[in-house]
Amino acid sequence: MYFRSQRKSAQDVSLSDYIETGADGAPLALMDVISEDGDLMEEVSTRESALLLRKAVKKCLTDQERQVIVLRYGLSGESPLRQRQVAERIGISRSYVSHRGYCKR
């Protein structure tokens, strides 16, 4: 039994196992190679927040208000525009762009 269990775990690899020595002479663990710099939980939280924001914008705003928000904050992948630029692009006054509305539905 003992030898059978040893043979099964012979292929197991730990993330903390050292795989080689880095360029600076420090030991390099498997975890160092496969991990990424970002915090996964923070990234998931940010994506969930963005999804909730998109749903709220879609539910609460008119098409024109939605267009103002998208252009003003660069939510379509473009760079954010200034109030004056948004007003010119949509054909409305700059004061309307700066107006803050609330969801009434």
PDB file of N, CA and C in Angstrom:
ATOM      1  N   MET A   1       0.815  -1.195   0.000  1.00  0.00           N
ATOM      2  CA  MET A   1       0.000   0.000   0.000  1.00  0.00           C
ATOM      3  C   MET A   1       0.865   1.268   0.000  1.00  0.00           C
ATOM      4  N   TYR A   2       1.875   1.298   0.811  1.00  0.00           N
ATOM      5  CA  TYR A   2       2.726   2.476   0.930  1.00  0.00           C
ATOM      6  C   TYR A   2       3.354   2.819  -0.417  1.00  0.00           C
ATOM      7  N   PHE A   3       3.888   1.797  -1.103  1.00  0.00           N
ATOM      8  CA  PHE A   3       4.551   2.045  -2.379  1.00  0.00           C
ATOM      9  C   PHE A   3       3.553   2.501  -3.457  1.00  0.00           C
ATOM     10  N   ARG A   4       2.336   1.978  -3.393  1.00  0.00           N
ATOM     11  CA  ARG A   4       1.300   2.369  -4.332  1.00  0.00           C
ATOM     12  C   ARG A   4       0.952   3.849  -4.157  1.00  0.00           C
ATOM     13  N   SER A   5       0.804   4.307  -2.917  1.00  0.00           N
ATOM     14  CA  SER A   5       0.480   5.721  -2.670  1.00  0.00           C
ATOM     15  C   SER A   5       1.634   6.629  -3.050  1.00  0.00           C
ATOM     16  N   GLN A   6       2.854   6.179  -2.865  1.00  0.00           N
ATOM     17  CA  GLN A   6       4.025   6.977  -3.256  1.00  0.00           C
ATOM     18  C   GLN A   6       4.093   7.125  -4.770  1.00  0.00           C
ATOM     19  N   ARG A   7       3.769   6.047  -5.473  1.00  0.00           N
ATOM     20  CA  ARG A   7       3.820   6.083  -6.929  1.00  0.00           C
ATOM     21  C   ARG A   7       2.768   7.043  -7.492  1.00  0.00           C
ATOM     22  N   LYS A   8       1.578   7.105  -6.874  1.00  0.00           N
ATOM     23  CA  LYS A   8       0.520   8.011  -7.324  1.00  0.00           C
ATOM     24  C   LYS A   8       0.917   9.467  -7.156  1.00  0.00           C
ATOM     25  N   SER A   9       1.602   9.792  -6.083  1.00  0.00           N
ATOM     26  CA  SER A   9       1.968  11.189  -5.827  1.00  0.00           C
ATOM     27  C   SER A   9       3.326  11.570  -6.410  1.00  0.00           C
ATOM     28  N   ALA A  10       3.977  10.646  -7.108  1.00  0.00           N
ATOM     29  CA  ALA A  10       5.298  10.932  -7.672  1.00  0.00           C
ATOM     30  C   ALA A  10       5.242  12.021  -8.737  1.00  0.00           C
ATOM     31  N   GLN A  11       4.104  12.199  -9.402  1.00  0.00           N
ATOM     32  CA  GLN A  11       3.963  13.201 -10.460  1.00  0.00           C
ATOM     33  C   GLN A  11       3.449  14.540  -9.941  1.00  0.00           C
ATOM     34  N   ASP A  12       3.102  14.629  -8.649  1.00  0.00           N
ATOM     35  CA  ASP A  12       2.590  15.871  -8.076  1.00  0.00           C
ATOM     36  C   ASP A  12       3.672  16.939  -8.063  1.00  0.00           C
ATOM     37  N   VAL A  13       3.271  18.162  -8.364  1.00  0.00           N
ATOM     38  CA  VAL A  13       4.192  19.289  -8.371  1.00  0.00           C
ATOM     39  C   VAL A  13       3.602  20.379  -7.498  1.00  0.00           C
ATOM     40  N   SER A  14       4.422  20.989  -6.689  1.00  0.00           N
ATOM     41  CA  SER A  14       3.977  22.074  -5.832  1.00  0.00           C
ATOM     42  C   SER A  14       4.318  23.406  -6.481  1.00  0.00           C
ATOM     43  N   LEU A  15       3.463  24.404  -6.288  1.00  0.00           N
ATOM     44  CA  LEU A  15       3.748  25.737  -6.823  1.00  0.00           C
ATOM     45  C   LEU A  15       4.975  26.365  -6.185  1.00  0.00           C
ATOM     46  N   SER A  16       5.331  25.895  -5.010  1.00  0.00           N
ATOM     47  CA  SER A  16       6.509  26.457  -4.334  1.00  0.00           C
ATOM     48  C   SER A  16       7.794  25.711  -4.677  1.00  0.00           C
ATOM     49  N   ASP A  17       7.711  24.689  -5.537  1.00  0.00           N
ATOM     50  CA  ASP A  17       8.916  23.983  -5.971  1.00  0.00           C
ATOM     51  C   ASP A  17       9.792  24.919  -6.794  1.00  0.00           C
ATOM     52  N   TYR A  18      11.093  24.825  -6.570  1.00  0.00           N
ATOM     53  CA  TYR A  18      12.025  25.641  -7.341  1.00  0.00           C
ATOM     54  C   TYR A  18      12.312  24.946  -8.656  1.00  0.00           C
ATOM     55  N   ILE A  19      12.257  25.704  -9.737  1.00  0.00           N
ATOM     56  CA  ILE A  19      12.466  25.104 -11.050  1.00  0.00           C
ATOM     57  C   ILE A  19      13.813  25.477 -11.657  1.00  0.00           C
ATOM     58  N   GLU A  20      14.366  26.590 -11.240  1.00  0.00           N
ATOM     59  CA  GLU A  20      15.690  27.007 -11.714  1.00  0.00           C
ATOM     60  C   GLU A  20      16.137  28.228 -10.929  1.00  0.00           C
ATOM     61  N   THR A  21      17.278  28.725 -11.279  1.00  0.00           N
ATOM     62  CA  THR A  21      17.796  29.936 -10.649  1.00  0.00           C
ATOM     63  C   THR A  21      17.633  31.079 -11.633  1.00  0.00           C
ATOM     64  N   GLY A  22      17.123  32.196 -11.142  1.00  0.00           N
ATOM     65  CA  GLY A  22      16.905  33.352 -11.998  1.00  0.00           C
ATOM     66  C   GLY A  22      18.207  34.004 -12.421  1.00  0.00           C
ATOM     67  N   ALA A  23      18.115  35.018 -13.265  1.00  0.00           N
ATOM     68  CA  ALA A  23      19.289  35.725 -13.785  1.00  0.00           C
ATOM     69  C   ALA A  23      20.088  36.383 -12.673  1.00  0.00           C
ATOM     70  N   ASP A  24      19.409  36.770 -11.593  1.00  0.00           N
ATOM     71  CA  ASP A  24      20.098  37.426 -10.485  1.00  0.00           C
ATOM     72  C   ASP A  24      20.632  36.428  -9.462  1.00  0.00           C
ATOM     73  N   GLY A  25      20.483  35.126  -9.729  1.00  0.00           N
ATOM     74  CA  GLY A  25      20.991  34.103  -8.828  1.00  0.00           C
ATOM     75  C   GLY A  25      19.987  33.656  -7.781  1.00  0.00           C
ATOM     76  N   ALA A  26      18.846  34.313  -7.706  1.00  0.00           N
ATOM     77  CA  ALA A  26      17.820  33.940  -6.730  1.00  0.00           C
ATOM     78  C   ALA A  26      17.037  32.736  -7.261  1.00  0.00           C
ATOM     79  N   PRO A  27      16.604  31.853  -6.375  1.00  0.00           N
ATOM     80  CA  PRO A  27      15.826  30.695  -6.825  1.00  0.00           C
ATOM     81  C   PRO A  27      14.484  31.134  -7.413  1.00  0.00           C
ATOM     82  N   LEU A  28      14.057  30.469  -8.464  1.00  0.00           N
ATOM     83  CA  LEU A  28      12.837  30.804  -9.173  1.00  0.00           C
ATOM     84  C   LEU A  28      11.823  29.681  -8.961  1.00  0.00           C
ATOM     85  N   ALA A  29      10.711  29.995  -8.305  1.00  0.00           N
ATOM     86  CA  ALA A  29       9.680  28.999  -8.032  1.00  0.00           C
ATOM     87  C   ALA A  29       8.681  28.949  -9.178  1.00  0.00           C
ATOM     88  N   LEU A  30       7.980  27.835  -9.296  1.00  0.00           N
ATOM     89  CA  LEU A  30       6.968  27.674 -10.326  1.00  0.00           C
ATOM     90  C   LEU A  30       5.889  28.756 -10.212  1.00  0.00           C
ATOM     91  N   MET A  31       5.525  29.118  -8.990  1.00  0.00           N
ATOM     92  CA  MET A  31       4.517  30.153  -8.755  1.00  0.00           C
ATOM     93  C   MET A  31       4.956  31.486  -9.351  1.00  0.00           C
ATOM     94  N   ASP A  32       6.251  31.781  -9.314  1.00  0.00           N
ATOM     95  CA  ASP A  32       6.755  33.037  -9.869  1.00  0.00           C
ATOM     96  C   ASP A  32       6.572  33.093 -11.384  1.00  0.00           C
ATOM     97  N   VAL A  33       6.628  31.944 -12.012  1.00  0.00           N
ATOM     98  CA  VAL A  33       6.529  31.891 -13.467  1.00  0.00           C
ATOM     99  C   VAL A  33       5.087  31.977 -13.940  1.00  0.00           C
ATOM    100  N   ILE A  34       4.159  31.314 -13.248  1.00  0.00           N
ATOM    101  CA  ILE A  34       2.785  31.264 -13.738  1.00  0.00           C
ATOM    102  C   ILE A  34       1.877  32.333 -13.155  1.00  0.00           C
ATOM    103  N   SER A  35       2.299  33.015 -12.119  1.00  0.00           N
ATOM    104  CA  SER A  35       1.439  34.039 -11.527  1.00  0.00           C
ATOM    105  C   SER A  35       1.510  35.319 -12.346  1.00  0.00           C
ATOM    106  N   GLU A  36       0.490  36.152 -12.200  1.00  0.00           N
ATOM    107  CA  GLU A  36       0.483  37.443 -12.888  1.00  0.00           C
ATOM    108  C   GLU A  36       0.531  38.541 -11.841  1.00  0.00           C
ATOM    109  N   ASP A  37       0.858  39.730 -12.278  1.00  0.00           N
ATOM    110  CA  ASP A  37       1.051  40.839 -11.349  1.00  0.00           C
ATOM    111  C   ASP A  37      -0.243  41.330 -10.718  1.00  0.00           C
ATOM    112  N   GLY A  38      -1.353  41.282 -11.448  1.00  0.00           N
ATOM    113  CA  GLY A  38      -2.617  41.829 -10.961  1.00  0.00           C
ATOM    114  C   GLY A  38      -3.261  40.972  -9.884  1.00  0.00           C
ATOM    115  N   ASP A  39      -4.153  41.577  -9.165  1.00  0.00           N
ATOM    116  CA  ASP A  39      -4.911  40.888  -8.137  1.00  0.00           C
ATOM    117  C   ASP A  39      -6.207  40.391  -8.770  1.00  0.00           C
ATOM    118  N   LEU A  40      -6.379  39.081  -8.853  1.00  0.00           N
ATOM    119  CA  LEU A  40      -7.519  38.493  -9.540  1.00  0.00           C
ATOM    120  C   LEU A  40      -8.840  38.912  -8.917  1.00  0.00           C
ATOM    121  N   MET A  41      -8.934  38.922  -7.603  1.00  0.00           N
ATOM    122  CA  MET A  41     -10.181  39.305  -6.939  1.00  0.00           C
ATOM    123  C   MET A  41     -10.540  40.760  -7.237  1.00  0.00           C
ATOM    124  N   GLU A  42      -9.551  41.618  -7.262  1.00  0.00           N
ATOM    125  CA  GLU A  42      -9.797  43.029  -7.567  1.00  0.00           C
ATOM    126  C   GLU A  42     -10.295  43.186  -9.001  1.00  0.00           C
ATOM    127  N   GLU A  43      -9.712  42.416  -9.911  1.00  0.00           N
ATOM    128  CA  GLU A  43     -10.122  42.483 -11.312  1.00  0.00           C
ATOM    129  C   GLU A  43     -11.563  41.993 -11.484  1.00  0.00           C
ATOM    130  N   VAL A  44     -11.916  40.912 -10.802  1.00  0.00           N
ATOM    131  CA  VAL A  44     -13.285  40.385 -10.877  1.00  0.00           C
ATOM    132  C   VAL A  44     -14.263  41.401 -10.301  1.00  0.00           C
ATOM    133  N   SER A  45     -13.899  42.003  -9.181  1.00  0.00           N
ATOM    134  CA  SER A  45     -14.755  43.003  -8.550  1.00  0.00           C
ATOM    135  C   SER A  45     -14.961  44.211  -9.465  1.00  0.00           C
ATOM    136  N   THR A  46     -13.904  44.642 -10.114  1.00  0.00           N
ATOM    137  CA  THR A  46     -13.992  45.771 -11.029  1.00  0.00           C
ATOM    138  C   THR A  46     -14.910  45.450 -12.209  1.00  0.00           C
ATOM    139  N   ARG A  47     -14.789  44.241 -12.750  1.00  0.00           N
ATOM    140  CA  ARG A  47     -15.651  43.837 -13.867  1.00  0.00           C
ATOM    141  C   ARG A  47     -17.109  43.772 -13.439  1.00  0.00           C
ATOM    142  N   GLU A  48     -17.367  43.242 -12.238  1.00  0.00           N
ATOM    143  CA  GLU A  48     -18.742  43.171 -11.744  1.00  0.00           C
ATOM    144  C   GLU A  48     -19.315  44.571 -11.538  1.00  0.00           C
ATOM    145  N   SER A  49     -18.510  45.472 -11.006  1.00  0.00           N
ATOM    146  CA  SER A  49     -18.959  46.852 -10.802  1.00  0.00           C
ATOM    147  C   SER A  49     -19.274  47.521 -12.135  1.00  0.00           C
ATOM    148  N   ALA A  50     -18.436  47.288 -13.129  1.00  0.00           N
ATOM    149  CA  ALA A  50     -18.657  47.872 -14.450  1.00  0.00           C
ATOM    150  C   ALA A  50     -19.941  47.329 -15.070  1.00  0.00           C
ATOM    151  N   LEU A  51     -20.204  46.045 -14.877  1.00  0.00           N
ATOM    152  CA  LEU A  51     -21.420  45.447 -15.406  1.00  0.00           C
ATOM    153  C   LEU A  51     -22.659  46.053 -14.746  1.00  0.00           C
ATOM    154  N   LEU A  52     -22.617  46.216 -13.427  1.00  0.00           N
ATOM    155  CA  LEU A  52     -23.734  46.830 -12.708  1.00  0.00           C
ATOM    156  C   LEU A  52     -23.950  48.271 -13.166  1.00  0.00           C
ATOM    157  N   LEU A  53     -22.864  48.990 -13.386  1.00  0.00           N
ATOM    158  CA  LEU A  53     -22.959  50.374 -13.856  1.00  0.00           C
ATOM    159  C   LEU A  53     -23.609  50.431 -15.238  1.00  0.00           C
ATOM    160  N   ARG A  54     -23.190  49.541 -16.135  1.00  0.00           N
ATOM    161  CA  ARG A  54     -23.780  49.521 -17.477  1.00  0.00           C
ATOM    162  C   ARG A  54     -25.282  49.236 -17.417  1.00  0.00           C
ATOM    163  N   LYS A  55     -25.670  48.285 -16.552  1.00  0.00           N
ATOM    164  CA  LYS A  55     -27.095  47.962 -16.414  1.00  0.00           C
ATOM    165  C   LYS A  55     -27.875  49.160 -15.883  1.00  0.00           C
ATOM    166  N   ALA A  56     -27.321  49.847 -14.889  1.00  0.00           N
ATOM    167  CA  ALA A  56     -28.000  51.017 -14.315  1.00  0.00           C
ATOM    168  C   ALA A  56     -28.127  52.126 -15.349  1.00  0.00           C
ATOM    169  N   VAL A  57     -27.084  52.367 -16.115  1.00  0.00           N
ATOM    170  CA  VAL A  57     -27.112  53.406 -17.148  1.00  0.00           C
ATOM    171  C   VAL A  57     -28.175  53.066 -18.187  1.00  0.00           C
ATOM    172  N   LYS A  58     -28.237  51.800 -18.574  1.00  0.00           N
ATOM    173  CA  LYS A  58     -29.210  51.384 -19.579  1.00  0.00           C
ATOM    174  C   LYS A  58     -30.638  51.504 -19.062  1.00  0.00           C
ATOM    175  N   LYS A  59     -30.848  51.188 -17.796  1.00  0.00           N
ATOM    176  CA  LYS A  59     -32.188  51.198 -17.212  1.00  0.00           C
ATOM    177  C   LYS A  59     -32.681  52.608 -16.890  1.00  0.00           C
ATOM    178  N   CYS A  60     -31.813  53.445 -16.403  1.00  0.00           N
ATOM    179  CA  CYS A  60     -32.228  54.725 -15.825  1.00  0.00           C
ATOM    180  C   CYS A  60     -32.160  55.922 -16.760  1.00  0.00           C
ATOM    181  N   LEU A  61     -31.391  55.851 -17.817  1.00  0.00           N
ATOM    182  CA  LEU A  61     -31.161  57.039 -18.633  1.00  0.00           C
ATOM    183  C   LEU A  61     -31.831  56.953 -19.995  1.00  0.00           C
ATOM    184  N   THR A  62     -32.142  58.112 -20.531  1.00  0.00           N
ATOM    185  CA  THR A  62     -32.653  58.176 -21.893  1.00  0.00           C
ATOM    186  C   THR A  62     -31.493  57.923 -22.851  1.00  0.00           C
ATOM    187  N   ASP A  63     -31.810  57.751 -24.131  1.00  0.00           N
ATOM    188  CA  ASP A  63     -30.756  57.515 -25.125  1.00  0.00           C
ATOM    189  C   ASP A  63     -29.761  58.670 -25.165  1.00  0.00           C
ATOM    190  N   GLN A  64     -30.270  59.886 -25.102  1.00  0.00           N
ATOM    191  CA  GLN A  64     -29.390  61.054 -25.158  1.00  0.00           C
ATOM    192  C   GLN A  64     -28.516  61.147 -23.901  1.00  0.00           C
ATOM    193  N   GLU A  65     -29.102  60.911 -22.742  1.00  0.00           N
ATOM    194  CA  GLU A  65     -28.335  60.940 -21.490  1.00  0.00           C
ATOM    195  C   GLU A  65     -27.265  59.859 -21.504  1.00  0.00           C
ATOM    196  N   ARG A  66     -27.625  58.701 -22.005  1.00  0.00           N
ATOM    197  CA  ARG A  66     -26.675  57.590 -22.100  1.00  0.00           C
ATOM    198  C   ARG A  66     -25.516  57.963 -23.018  1.00  0.00           C
ATOM    199  N   GLN A  67     -25.840  58.606 -24.127  1.00  0.00           N
ATOM    200  CA  GLN A  67     -24.803  59.016 -25.078  1.00  0.00           C
ATOM    201  C   GLN A  67     -23.852  60.035 -24.442  1.00  0.00           C
ATOM    202  N   VAL A  68     -24.400  60.949 -23.656  1.00  0.00           N
ATOM    203  CA  VAL A  68     -23.576  61.934 -22.956  1.00  0.00           C
ATOM    204  C   VAL A  68     -22.608  61.230 -22.016  1.00  0.00           C
ATOM    205  N   ILE A  69     -23.092  60.290 -21.226  1.00  0.00           N
ATOM    206  CA  ILE A  69     -22.245  59.575 -20.259  1.00  0.00           C
ATOM    207  C   ILE A  69     -21.158  58.785 -20.972  1.00  0.00           C
ATOM    208  N   VAL A  70     -21.533  58.081 -22.036  1.00  0.00           N
ATOM    209  CA  VAL A  70     -20.567  57.269 -22.774  1.00  0.00           C
ATOM    210  C   VAL A  70     -19.458  58.142 -23.359  1.00  0.00           C
ATOM    211  N   LEU A  71     -19.822  59.264 -23.973  1.00  0.00           N
ATOM    212  CA  LEU A  71     -18.817  60.148 -24.566  1.00  0.00           C
ATOM    213  C   LEU A  71     -17.985  60.870 -23.506  1.00  0.00           C
ATOM    214  N   ARG A  72     -18.653  61.331 -22.475  1.00  0.00           N
ATOM    215  CA  ARG A  72     -17.979  62.129 -21.434  1.00  0.00           C
ATOM    216  C   ARG A  72     -16.928  61.310 -20.678  1.00  0.00           C
ATOM    217  N   TYR A  73     -17.230  60.036 -20.420  1.00  0.00           N
ATOM    218  CA  TYR A  73     -16.317  59.210 -19.625  1.00  0.00           C
ATOM    219  C   TYR A  73     -15.576  58.155 -20.437  1.00  0.00           C
ATOM    220  N   GLY A  74     -15.728  58.173 -21.757  1.00  0.00           N
ATOM    221  CA  GLY A  74     -14.974  57.259 -22.605  1.00  0.00           C
ATOM    222  C   GLY A  74     -15.348  55.802 -22.424  1.00  0.00           C
ATOM    223  N   LEU A  75     -16.622  55.526 -22.218  1.00  0.00           N
ATOM    224  CA  LEU A  75     -17.053  54.159 -21.942  1.00  0.00           C
ATOM    225  C   LEU A  75     -17.136  53.280 -23.184  1.00  0.00           C
ATOM    226  N   SER A  76     -16.964  53.874 -24.355  1.00  0.00           N
ATOM    227  CA  SER A  76     -17.014  53.094 -25.593  1.00  0.00           C
ATOM    228  C   SER A  76     -15.619  52.705 -26.072  1.00  0.00           C
ATOM    229  N   GLY A  77     -14.621  52.982 -25.259  1.00  0.00           N
ATOM    230  CA  GLY A  77     -13.250  52.659 -25.637  1.00  0.00           C
ATOM    231  C   GLY A  77     -12.473  53.850 -26.164  1.00  0.00           C
ATOM    232  N   GLU A  78     -13.167  54.937 -26.473  1.00  0.00           N
ATOM    233  CA  GLU A  78     -12.499  56.163 -26.921  1.00  0.00           C
ATOM    234  C   GLU A  78     -12.032  56.948 -25.703  1.00  0.00           C
ATOM    235  N   SER A  79     -11.227  57.956 -25.933  1.00  0.00           N
ATOM    236  CA  SER A  79     -10.805  58.834 -24.843  1.00  0.00           C
ATOM    237  C   SER A  79     -11.992  59.667 -24.374  1.00  0.00           C
ATOM    238  N   PRO A  80     -12.079  59.951 -23.083  1.00  0.00           N
ATOM    239  CA  PRO A  80     -13.162  60.808 -22.577  1.00  0.00           C
ATOM    240  C   PRO A  80     -13.106  62.186 -23.230  1.00  0.00           C
ATOM    241  N   LEU A  81     -14.261  62.761 -23.484  1.00  0.00           N
ATOM    242  CA  LEU A  81     -14.344  64.082 -24.101  1.00  0.00           C
ATOM    243  C   LEU A  81     -14.703  65.131 -23.062  1.00  0.00           C
ATOM    244  N   ARG A  82     -14.325  66.364 -23.344  1.00  0.00           N
ATOM    245  CA  ARG A  82     -14.714  67.482 -22.479  1.00  0.00           C
ATOM    246  C   ARG A  82     -16.187  67.791 -22.711  1.00  0.00           C
ATOM    247  N   GLN A  83     -16.787  68.501 -21.762  1.00  0.00           N
ATOM    248  CA  GLN A  83     -18.208  68.837 -21.864  1.00  0.00           C
ATOM    249  C   GLN A  83     -18.515  69.541 -23.181  1.00  0.00           C
ATOM    250  N   ARG A  84     -17.681  70.495 -23.551  1.00  0.00           N
ATOM    251  CA  ARG A  84     -17.881  71.255 -24.787  1.00  0.00           C
ATOM    252  C   ARG A  84     -17.845  70.337 -26.004  1.00  0.00           C
ATOM    253  N   GLN A  85     -16.911  69.370 -26.018  1.00  0.00           N
ATOM    254  CA  GLN A  85     -16.794  68.447 -27.147  1.00  0.00           C
ATOM    255  C   GLN A  85     -18.019  67.533 -27.256  1.00  0.00           C
ATOM    256  N   VAL A  86     -18.503  67.062 -26.103  1.00  0.00           N
ATOM    257  CA  VAL A  86     -19.697  66.209 -26.086  1.00  0.00           C
ATOM    258  C   VAL A  86     -20.889  66.999 -26.619  1.00  0.00           C
ATOM    259  N   ALA A  87     -21.043  68.246 -26.139  1.00  0.00           N
ATOM    260  CA  ALA A  87     -22.164  69.090 -26.568  1.00  0.00           C
ATOM    261  C   ALA A  87     -22.130  69.305 -28.072  1.00  0.00           C
ATOM    262  N   GLU A  88     -20.952  69.575 -28.616  1.00  0.00           N
ATOM    263  CA  GLU A  88     -20.828  69.794 -30.058  1.00  0.00           C
ATOM    264  C   GLU A  88     -21.154  68.534 -30.848  1.00  0.00           C
ATOM    265  N   ARG A  89     -20.675  67.408 -30.381  1.00  0.00           N
ATOM    266  CA  ARG A  89     -20.891  66.153 -31.106  1.00  0.00           C
ATOM    267  C   ARG A  89     -22.376  65.751 -31.141  1.00  0.00           C
ATOM    268  N   ILE A  90     -23.075  65.957 -30.018  1.00  0.00           N
ATOM    269  CA  ILE A  90     -24.477  65.552 -29.941  1.00  0.00           C
ATOM    270  C   ILE A  90     -25.413  66.657 -30.433  1.00  0.00           C
ATOM    271  N   GLY A  91     -24.955  67.905 -30.387  1.00  0.00           N
ATOM    272  CA  GLY A  91     -25.793  69.022 -30.816  1.00  0.00           C
ATOM    273  C   GLY A  91     -26.684  69.535 -29.697  1.00  0.00           C
ATOM    274  N   ILE A  92     -26.139  69.583 -28.482  1.00  0.00           N
ATOM    275  CA  ILE A  92     -26.875  70.093 -27.332  1.00  0.00           C
ATOM    276  C   ILE A  92     -26.029  71.149 -26.644  1.00  0.00           C
ATOM    277  N   SER A  93     -26.583  71.795 -25.621  1.00  0.00           N
ATOM    278  CA  SER A  93     -25.820  72.830 -24.920  1.00  0.00           C
ATOM    279  C   SER A  93     -24.845  72.189 -23.923  1.00  0.00           C
ATOM    280  N   ARG A  94     -23.772  72.940 -23.643  1.00  0.00           N
ATOM    281  CA  ARG A  94     -22.787  72.455 -22.682  1.00  0.00           C
ATOM    282  C   ARG A  94     -23.402  72.322 -21.299  1.00  0.00           C
ATOM    283  N   SER A  95     -24.353  73.202 -20.955  1.00  0.00           N
ATOM    284  CA  SER A  95     -24.985  73.144 -19.639  1.00  0.00           C
ATOM    285  C   SER A  95     -25.792  71.861 -19.467  1.00  0.00           C
ATOM    286  N   TYR A  96     -26.376  71.336 -20.572  1.00  0.00           N
ATOM    287  CA  TYR A  96     -27.104  70.076 -20.485  1.00  0.00           C
ATOM    288  C   TYR A  96     -26.150  68.928 -20.175  1.00  0.00           C
ATOM    289  N   VAL A  97     -24.953  68.999 -20.765  1.00  0.00           N
ATOM    290  CA  VAL A  97     -23.951  67.952 -20.523  1.00  0.00           C
ATOM    291  C   VAL A  97     -23.561  67.931 -19.050  1.00  0.00           C
ATOM    292  N   SER A  98     -23.469  69.104 -18.438  1.00  0.00           N
ATOM    293  CA  SER A  98     -23.051  69.159 -17.030  1.00  0.00           C
ATOM    294  C   SER A  98     -24.192  68.871 -16.056  1.00  0.00           C
ATOM    295  N   HIS A  99     -25.439  68.834 -16.565  1.00  0.00           N
ATOM    296  CA  HIS A  99     -26.616  68.575 -15.733  1.00  0.00           C
ATOM    297  C   HIS A  99     -26.568  67.152 -15.182  1.00  0.00           C
ATOM    298  N   ARG A 100     -26.895  66.993 -13.891  1.00  0.00           N
ATOM    299  CA  ARG A 100     -26.927  65.669 -13.290  1.00  0.00           C
ATOM    300  C   ARG A 100     -28.379  65.259 -13.080  1.00  0.00           C
ATOM    301  N   GLY A 101     -28.749  64.108 -13.633  1.00  0.00           N
ATOM    302  CA  GLY A 101     -30.110  63.603 -13.472  1.00  0.00           C
ATOM    303  C   GLY A 101     -30.116  62.370 -12.587  1.00  0.00           C
ATOM    304  N   TYR A 102     -31.281  61.988 -12.136  1.00  0.00           N
ATOM    305  CA  TYR A 102     -31.438  60.814 -11.272  1.00  0.00           C
ATOM    306  C   TYR A 102     -32.437  59.868 -11.908  1.00  0.00           C
ATOM    307  N   CYS A 103     -32.272  58.616 -11.609  1.00  0.00           N
ATOM    308  CA  CYS A 103     -33.186  57.597 -12.132  1.00  0.00           C
ATOM    309  C   CYS A 103     -34.555  57.797 -11.507  1.00  0.00           C
ATOM    310  N   LYS A 104     -35.587  57.991 -12.331  1.00  0.00           N
ATOM    311  CA  LYS A 104     -36.924  58.251 -11.816  1.00  0.00           C
ATOM    312  C   LYS A 104     -37.848  57.065 -12.050  1.00  0.00           C
ATOM    313  N   ARG A 105     -37.331  55.985 -12.605  1.00  0.00           N
ATOM    314  CA  ARG A 105     -38.179  54.827 -12.904  1.00  0.00           C
ATOM    315  C   ARG A 105     -38.088  53.793 -11.830  1.00  0.00           C
TER     316      ARG A 105
END
